[in-house]
């Protein structure tokens, strides 16, 4: 999209996420005497090594903001407009060290790489995780590929999943692939389905959750569905109960949008947080019996799956170069399947 300009401090943004998965990399404030000028022309004179076409592609992907809102490349910058370039990952303020971390590669060609991330693996370096991340693993995987620069924001991971969520991610190996795939995610044309284990059985068993998601004003470490329609970002999750397990259930969730912690927050919002989701209260017994044996059963389940029970099972997109529809599926990992089987056995015994 654009080259990083780490040596020019005044061009760099805060590097903090807006709570919706985007990070500001560059910010410019138009002068009081600014003449009306297309935003692509405005930016191309301020970003080194970036073409007007690249800026236009960034705008198409929703990565050019004016006063905090995405604009198209024909937007005309006015005096005192705040023009930002945001990306789907934080700035790397340090060298990315290649590390020989095993990758579960589902698919790879000259344009894209699809990986099945295990739970526990941080995606991007930062905030105390400067090594041992998926990006460090990608740096090792691509260490002999002179065309791939792990620090170049014009390529790399197109989207993210939480550290303790497992499942599929797509990596763009070229700038054109990154822009094309980024636009697909922005336009909500990708296909993403998750499997979750939640407390209780949602009623109705099939439905849609709609609610703006933003930073929880009472807890900055949490996201929340906000009552004010002017706050947060529009978010839509479609869900369907796949299997009732008595006091818990296996739920299929299809993302229409991709906000930070979206499934975890939306399921909590309707009263069914994910099992063992410590950040959102799912690590407590929220349904079931008041007995020491039941407490021990739940504790054993949490030991089997020591993280929020969420897996990004499917991923579909249009190949950025060939136009072919691609679809991938990663089986639910052993920790979740073991816990589900334990609940299945428990539920069957209660019915006898």
Protein backbone atom coordinates (compact mmCIF):
# COMPACT_ATOMS: atom_id res chain seq x y z
CA UNK A 1 0.00 0.00 0.00
CA UNK A 2 2.63 2.51 1.13
CA UNK A 3 6.20 2.25 2.34
CA UNK A 4 6.92 2.70 6.02
CA UNK A 5 8.79 5.92 6.87
CA UNK A 6 10.06 5.06 10.32
CA UNK A 7 12.76 7.73 10.24
CA UNK A 8 10.20 10.55 9.86
CA UNK A 9 8.52 10.69 13.26
CA UNK A 10 6.05 13.42 12.43
CA UNK A 11 4.43 11.26 9.76
CA UNK A 12 3.81 8.27 11.97
CA UNK A 13 0.58 7.74 13.86
CA UNK A 14 0.15 6.41 17.34
CA UNK A 15 0.37 2.79 16.26
CA UNK A 16 -2.57 1.95 18.50
CA UNK A 17 -5.61 0.08 17.28
CA UNK A 18 -8.88 1.97 16.99
CA UNK A 19 -10.56 -1.01 18.60
CA UNK A 20 -11.83 -2.25 15.25
CA UNK A 21 -8.71 -3.95 13.94
CA UNK A 22 -7.14 -0.97 12.12
CA UNK A 23 -3.97 0.88 13.06
CA UNK A 24 -3.05 4.41 12.05
CA UNK A 25 0.31 4.56 10.27
CA UNK A 26 0.24 8.07 8.83
CA UNK A 27 -1.66 11.26 9.66
CA UNK A 28 -1.66 14.63 7.93
CA UNK A 29 -3.60 17.78 8.79
CA UNK A 30 -4.44 20.01 5.84
CA UNK A 31 -3.36 23.64 6.13
CA UNK A 32 -5.85 26.45 6.73
CA UNK A 33 -5.19 27.63 3.20
CA UNK A 34 -5.52 24.19 1.60
CA UNK A 35 -7.12 24.39 -1.85
CA UNK A 36 -9.67 21.68 -2.72
CA UNK A 37 -7.58 18.70 -3.86
CA UNK A 38 -8.34 15.04 -4.49
CA UNK A 39 -7.17 12.96 -1.54
CA UNK A 40 -5.13 10.63 -3.78
CA UNK A 41 -3.15 13.63 -5.10
CA UNK A 42 -2.88 15.00 -1.56
CA UNK A 43 -1.35 11.76 -0.25
CA UNK A 44 0.91 10.87 -3.14
CA UNK A 45 2.94 14.04 -2.56
CA UNK A 46 3.35 13.20 1.13
CA UNK A 47 4.11 9.47 1.03
CA UNK A 48 7.48 8.46 -0.32
CA UNK A 49 7.69 5.60 -2.81
CA UNK A 50 3.93 5.41 -3.20
CA UNK A 51 2.15 5.78 -6.53
CA UNK A 52 -1.23 7.39 -7.08
CA UNK A 53 -2.59 4.01 -8.18
CA UNK A 54 -1.46 2.44 -4.90
CA UNK A 55 -3.15 5.20 -2.91
CA UNK A 56 -6.34 4.69 -4.93
CA UNK A 57 -6.25 0.97 -4.18
CA UNK A 58 -5.77 1.76 -0.49
CA UNK A 59 -8.83 4.03 -0.59
CA UNK A 60 -10.85 1.30 -2.31
CA UNK A 61 -9.92 -1.03 0.56
CA UNK A 62 -11.13 1.46 3.17
CA UNK A 63 -7.64 2.37 4.37
CA UNK A 64 -7.78 6.11 3.68
CA UNK A 65 -9.75 8.09 6.27
CA UNK A 66 -10.68 11.75 6.44
CA UNK A 67 -11.76 12.95 9.87
CA UNK A 68 -12.04 9.31 10.94
CA UNK A 69 -14.27 8.08 8.11
CA UNK A 70 -13.28 6.07 4.98
CA UNK A 71 -13.32 8.08 1.75
CA UNK A 72 -12.91 7.30 -1.92
CA UNK A 73 -9.93 8.57 -3.86
CA UNK A 74 -11.97 11.36 -5.48
CA UNK A 75 -12.75 12.97 -2.10
CA UNK A 76 -11.56 16.59 -2.12
CA UNK A 77 -9.45 17.57 0.88
CA UNK A 78 -10.57 20.81 2.56
CA UNK A 79 -8.75 23.12 5.00
CA UNK A 80 -7.98 21.45 8.36
CA UNK A 81 -9.14 18.00 7.21
CA UNK A 82 -7.34 15.20 9.09
CA UNK A 83 -6.21 12.62 6.53
CA UNK A 84 -5.09 9.24 7.86
CA UNK A 85 -3.75 6.04 6.35
CA UNK A 86 -4.70 2.98 8.39
CA UNK A 87 -3.60 -0.61 8.03
CA UNK A 88 -4.60 -3.97 9.41
CA UNK A 89 -1.54 -4.34 11.59
CA UNK A 90 0.47 -2.18 13.99
CA UNK A 91 3.70 -0.47 12.96
CA UNK A 92 6.78 -2.61 13.53
CA UNK A 93 9.20 -0.37 15.41
CA UNK A 94 11.87 -3.08 15.46
CA UNK A 95 13.41 -5.70 13.22
CA UNK A 96 11.37 -8.85 12.70
CA UNK A 97 13.61 -11.82 13.52
CA UNK A 98 12.88 -15.00 11.54
CA UNK A 99 12.08 -17.88 13.90
CA UNK A 100 11.70 -21.53 12.97
CA UNK A 101 8.16 -21.89 14.29
CA UNK A 102 6.21 -24.71 12.58
CA UNK A 103 3.44 -23.55 10.24
CA UNK A 104 0.40 -25.61 9.34
CA UNK A 105 0.19 -24.56 5.68
CA UNK A 106 -3.17 -25.35 4.12
CA UNK A 107 -2.44 -23.81 0.70
CA UNK A 108 0.28 -21.79 -1.00
CA UNK A 109 0.97 -20.38 -4.45
CA UNK A 110 2.87 -17.37 -5.78
CA UNK A 111 0.22 -14.93 -4.56
CA UNK A 112 -1.29 -16.23 -1.31
CA UNK A 113 -0.58 -18.46 1.66
CA UNK A 114 -3.32 -19.93 3.85
CA UNK A 115 -2.31 -21.12 7.32
CA UNK A 116 -4.13 -22.86 10.14
CA UNK A 117 -3.04 -20.97 13.27
CA UNK A 118 -2.95 -22.92 16.54
CA UNK A 119 -4.42 -21.46 19.71
CA UNK A 120 -1.82 -19.66 21.82
CA UNK A 121 0.12 -18.18 18.90
CA UNK A 122 0.13 -14.37 18.79
CA UNK A 123 -0.31 -13.03 15.26
CA UNK A 124 1.63 -9.73 15.27
CA UNK A 125 4.62 -8.65 17.36
CA UNK A 126 4.07 -5.92 19.93
CA UNK A 127 2.95 -5.19 23.49
CA UNK A 128 5.45 -7.58 25.06
CA UNK A 129 5.25 -10.20 22.31
CA UNK A 130 8.25 -9.27 20.21
CA UNK A 131 9.12 -12.83 19.28
CA UNK A 132 7.39 -16.17 18.91
CA UNK A 133 4.59 -14.73 16.76
CA UNK A 134 3.07 -15.81 13.48
CA UNK A 135 4.87 -12.94 11.76
CA UNK A 136 8.21 -14.28 13.05
CA UNK A 137 7.24 -17.69 11.66
CA UNK A 138 6.37 -16.12 8.29
CA UNK A 139 9.72 -14.33 8.25
CA UNK A 140 11.42 -17.73 8.56
CA UNK A 141 9.17 -19.32 5.94
CA UNK A 142 9.93 -16.55 3.44
CA UNK A 143 13.58 -16.00 4.40
CA UNK A 144 14.81 -17.32 1.03
CA UNK A 145 12.21 -15.40 -0.98
CA UNK A 146 13.75 -12.05 -2.03
CA UNK A 147 10.35 -10.79 -3.19
CA UNK A 148 8.79 -10.99 0.28
CA UNK A 149 9.63 -8.42 2.96
CA UNK A 150 7.93 -9.29 6.24
CA UNK A 151 8.17 -5.64 7.37
CA UNK A 152 6.52 -4.25 4.23
CA UNK A 153 2.88 -3.39 5.06
CA UNK A 154 1.95 -3.80 1.38
CA UNK A 155 2.05 -7.58 1.88
CA UNK A 156 1.52 -10.05 4.69
CA UNK A 157 -1.45 -10.98 6.86
CA UNK A 158 -4.72 -9.65 5.49
CA UNK A 159 -6.74 -10.20 8.68
CA UNK A 160 -6.20 -11.43 12.23
CA UNK A 161 -7.65 -13.74 14.84
CA UNK A 162 -7.07 -13.58 18.57
CA UNK A 163 -4.12 -15.28 20.23
CA UNK A 164 -6.25 -17.98 21.85
CA UNK A 165 -8.50 -18.52 18.83
CA UNK A 166 -7.41 -21.20 16.36
CA UNK A 167 -8.06 -21.37 12.65
CA UNK A 168 -7.55 -20.09 9.14
CA UNK A 169 -5.72 -16.95 8.05
CA UNK A 170 -4.69 -15.75 4.59
CA UNK A 171 -1.35 -14.10 3.86
CA UNK A 172 -0.76 -11.96 0.77
CA UNK A 173 2.63 -12.54 -0.86
CA UNK A 174 2.46 -9.52 -3.18
CA UNK A 175 1.23 -5.92 -2.86
CA UNK A 176 -1.46 -6.49 -5.48
CA UNK A 177 -2.73 -9.57 -3.63
CA UNK A 178 -2.84 -7.63 -0.34
CA UNK A 179 -4.81 -4.79 -1.89
CA UNK A 180 -7.23 -7.13 -3.67
CA UNK A 181 -7.86 -9.30 -0.62
CA UNK A 182 -8.12 -6.27 1.64
CA UNK A 183 -10.84 -4.91 -0.60
CA UNK A 184 -12.73 -8.23 -0.40
CA UNK A 185 -12.67 -8.12 3.40
CA UNK A 186 -13.73 -4.48 3.38
CA UNK A 187 -16.61 -5.20 1.01
CA UNK A 188 -17.67 -8.22 3.13
CA UNK A 189 -17.47 -10.66 0.22
CA UNK A 190 -15.21 -13.17 1.98
CA UNK A 191 -16.74 -16.25 3.60
CA UNK A 192 -15.78 -16.89 7.21
CA UNK A 193 -17.37 -19.41 9.52
CA UNK A 194 -16.38 -20.16 13.09
CA UNK A 195 -17.24 -22.94 15.52
CA UNK A 196 -17.76 -21.94 19.14
CA UNK A 197 -18.82 -23.68 22.33
CA UNK A 198 -21.02 -21.39 24.42
CA UNK A 199 -22.78 -21.50 27.76
CA UNK A 200 -26.43 -22.47 27.43
CA UNK A 201 -28.49 -22.95 24.26
CA UNK A 202 -29.38 -19.72 22.41
CA UNK A 203 -33.06 -19.13 21.69
CA UNK A 204 -33.95 -18.99 18.92
CA UNK A 205 -31.42 -21.60 17.86
CA UNK A 206 -30.77 -19.74 14.61
CA UNK A 207 -30.57 -15.98 14.33
CA UNK A 208 -28.63 -12.80 13.66
CA UNK A 209 -26.92 -10.56 16.20
CA UNK A 210 -26.55 -6.91 15.21
CA UNK A 211 -24.90 -4.37 17.46
CA UNK A 212 -22.20 -1.72 17.20
CA UNK A 213 -18.94 -2.88 18.80
CA UNK A 214 -16.45 -0.54 20.41
CA UNK A 215 -14.16 -0.23 23.40
CA UNK A 216 -15.94 -0.94 26.68
CA UNK A 217 -15.97 2.39 28.55
CA UNK A 218 -15.85 0.51 31.88
CA UNK A 219 -12.97 -1.81 30.93
CA UNK A 220 -10.47 -0.78 28.27
CA UNK A 221 -9.33 -4.39 27.84
CA UNK A 222 -12.78 -5.41 26.65
CA UNK A 223 -14.91 -4.65 23.64
CA UNK A 224 -18.66 -4.29 24.08
CA UNK A 225 -21.92 -3.76 22.23
CA UNK A 226 -22.58 -0.05 22.67
CA UNK A 227 -26.04 1.43 23.22
CA UNK A 228 -25.26 4.67 21.38
CA UNK A 229 -25.72 4.02 17.63
CA UNK A 230 -23.22 6.81 16.91
CA UNK A 231 -20.44 4.95 18.72
CA UNK A 232 -18.49 1.84 17.77
CA UNK A 233 -18.56 0.03 14.45
CA UNK A 234 -21.48 -1.75 12.82
CA UNK A 235 -21.19 -5.51 13.43
CA UNK A 236 -23.30 -8.46 12.29
CA UNK A 237 -22.95 -12.12 13.31
CA UNK A 238 -25.19 -14.92 12.05
CA UNK A 239 -25.34 -17.94 14.35
CA UNK A 240 -26.90 -21.41 14.41
CA UNK A 241 -26.87 -24.06 17.12
CA UNK A 242 -25.23 -27.19 15.74
CA UNK A 243 -25.58 -29.36 18.85
CA UNK A 244 -27.14 -28.96 22.26
CA UNK A 245 -24.96 -30.24 25.11
CA UNK A 246 -27.35 -29.64 27.97
CA UNK A 247 -25.84 -26.68 29.79
CA UNK A 248 -23.71 -25.73 26.78
CA UNK A 249 -23.98 -25.88 22.99
CA UNK A 250 -21.86 -25.98 19.85
CA UNK A 251 -22.66 -22.97 17.69
CA UNK A 252 -21.76 -22.13 14.11
CA UNK A 253 -21.08 -18.40 13.61
CA UNK A 254 -20.82 -16.69 10.23
CA UNK A 255 -19.23 -13.27 10.16
CA UNK A 256 -20.75 -10.55 8.03
CA UNK A 257 -18.35 -8.01 9.50
CA UNK A 258 -15.00 -8.51 11.20
CA UNK A 259 -14.69 -6.46 14.38
CA UNK A 260 -12.28 -7.06 17.24
CA UNK A 261 -13.57 -9.92 19.45
CA UNK A 262 -16.83 -9.84 17.47
CA UNK A 263 -18.12 -13.36 18.15
CA UNK A 264 -17.01 -13.29 21.77
CA UNK A 265 -18.75 -9.95 22.35
CA UNK A 266 -21.92 -10.75 20.39
CA UNK A 267 -22.45 -14.10 22.09
CA UNK A 268 -21.94 -12.46 25.50
CA UNK A 269 -24.43 -9.77 24.46
CA UNK A 270 -27.18 -12.37 23.99
CA UNK A 271 -26.29 -14.09 27.26
CA UNK A 272 -24.19 -16.98 25.94
CA UNK A 273 -20.47 -16.25 26.41
CA UNK A 274 -17.89 -18.70 25.09
CA UNK A 275 -16.72 -21.45 27.42
CA UNK A 276 -13.45 -20.63 29.18
CA UNK A 277 -13.32 -17.09 27.76
CA UNK A 278 -11.62 -15.40 30.71
CA UNK A 279 -11.87 -11.88 29.29
CA UNK A 280 -15.64 -12.07 28.90
CA UNK A 281 -16.61 -14.12 31.95
CA UNK A 282 -16.93 -17.52 30.29
CA UNK A 283 -14.33 -19.06 32.61
CA UNK A 284 -16.95 -19.22 35.39
CA UNK A 285 -19.79 -21.74 35.71
CA UNK A 286 -22.74 -19.89 34.19
CA UNK A 287 -25.17 -22.80 33.65
CA UNK A 288 -25.73 -26.08 35.42
CA UNK A 289 -25.87 -27.69 38.81
CA UNK A 290 -24.70 -26.67 42.25
CA UNK A 291 -22.60 -29.71 43.12
CA UNK A 292 -18.96 -30.48 43.66
CA UNK A 293 -19.06 -33.20 41.01
CA UNK A 294 -20.38 -30.74 38.40
CA UNK A 295 -17.77 -28.18 39.42
CA UNK A 296 -15.09 -30.80 38.93
CA UNK A 297 -16.56 -31.80 35.56
CA UNK A 298 -16.41 -28.19 34.30
CA UNK A 299 -12.90 -27.79 35.69
CA UNK A 300 -11.82 -30.91 33.80
CA UNK A 301 -13.38 -29.52 30.61
CA UNK A 302 -11.47 -26.28 31.02
CA UNK A 303 -8.25 -28.23 31.47
CA UNK A 304 -8.93 -30.03 28.19
CA UNK A 305 -9.49 -26.70 26.40
CA UNK A 306 -7.55 -24.04 28.34
CA UNK A 307 -8.68 -21.10 26.17
CA UNK A 308 -11.85 -19.62 24.72
CA UNK A 309 -13.60 -22.31 22.68
CA UNK A 310 -13.47 -20.64 19.28
CA UNK A 311 -12.11 -21.90 15.95
CA UNK A 312 -12.04 -20.20 12.53
CA UNK A 313 -13.08 -23.28 10.58
CA UNK A 314 -13.70 -22.01 7.04
CA UNK A 315 -12.35 -19.25 4.83
CA UNK A 316 -13.46 -18.38 1.33
CA UNK A 317 -12.29 -15.65 -1.05
CA UNK A 318 -11.72 -14.95 -4.72
CA UNK A 319 -8.12 -15.54 -5.79
CA UNK A 320 -6.59 -12.07 -6.31
CA UNK A 321 -4.92 -12.96 -9.63
CA UNK A 322 -6.91 -15.80 -11.24
CA UNK A 323 -10.38 -14.80 -10.08
CA UNK A 324 -11.03 -18.39 -8.98
CA UNK A 325 -13.24 -18.91 -5.95
CA UNK A 326 -11.15 -20.48 -3.20
CA UNK A 327 -12.56 -22.24 -0.14
CA UNK A 328 -10.66 -23.82 2.74
CA UNK A 329 -11.65 -25.71 5.87
CA UNK A 330 -9.63 -26.55 8.97
CA UNK A 331 -11.01 -29.25 11.28
CA UNK A 332 -11.89 -28.29 14.84
CA UNK A 333 -8.69 -28.90 16.87
CA UNK A 334 -8.22 -31.64 19.44
CA UNK A 335 -8.62 -29.47 22.55
CA UNK A 336 -12.08 -28.31 21.49
CA UNK A 337 -13.20 -31.70 20.16
CA UNK A 338 -12.12 -33.39 23.41
CA UNK A 339 -14.09 -30.91 25.45
CA UNK A 340 -17.15 -31.24 23.20
CA UNK A 341 -17.01 -35.02 23.51
CA UNK A 342 -16.82 -34.72 27.30
CA UNK A 343 -19.92 -32.49 27.31
CA UNK A 344 -21.68 -34.83 24.89
CA UNK A 345 -21.11 -37.78 27.23
CA UNK A 346 -22.29 -35.75 30.21
CA UNK A 347 -25.46 -34.60 28.44
CA UNK A 348 -26.29 -38.13 27.32
CA UNK A 349 -25.87 -39.45 30.86
CA UNK A 350 -28.22 -36.76 32.23
CA UNK A 351 -30.94 -37.85 29.79
CA UNK A 352 -30.87 -41.48 30.93
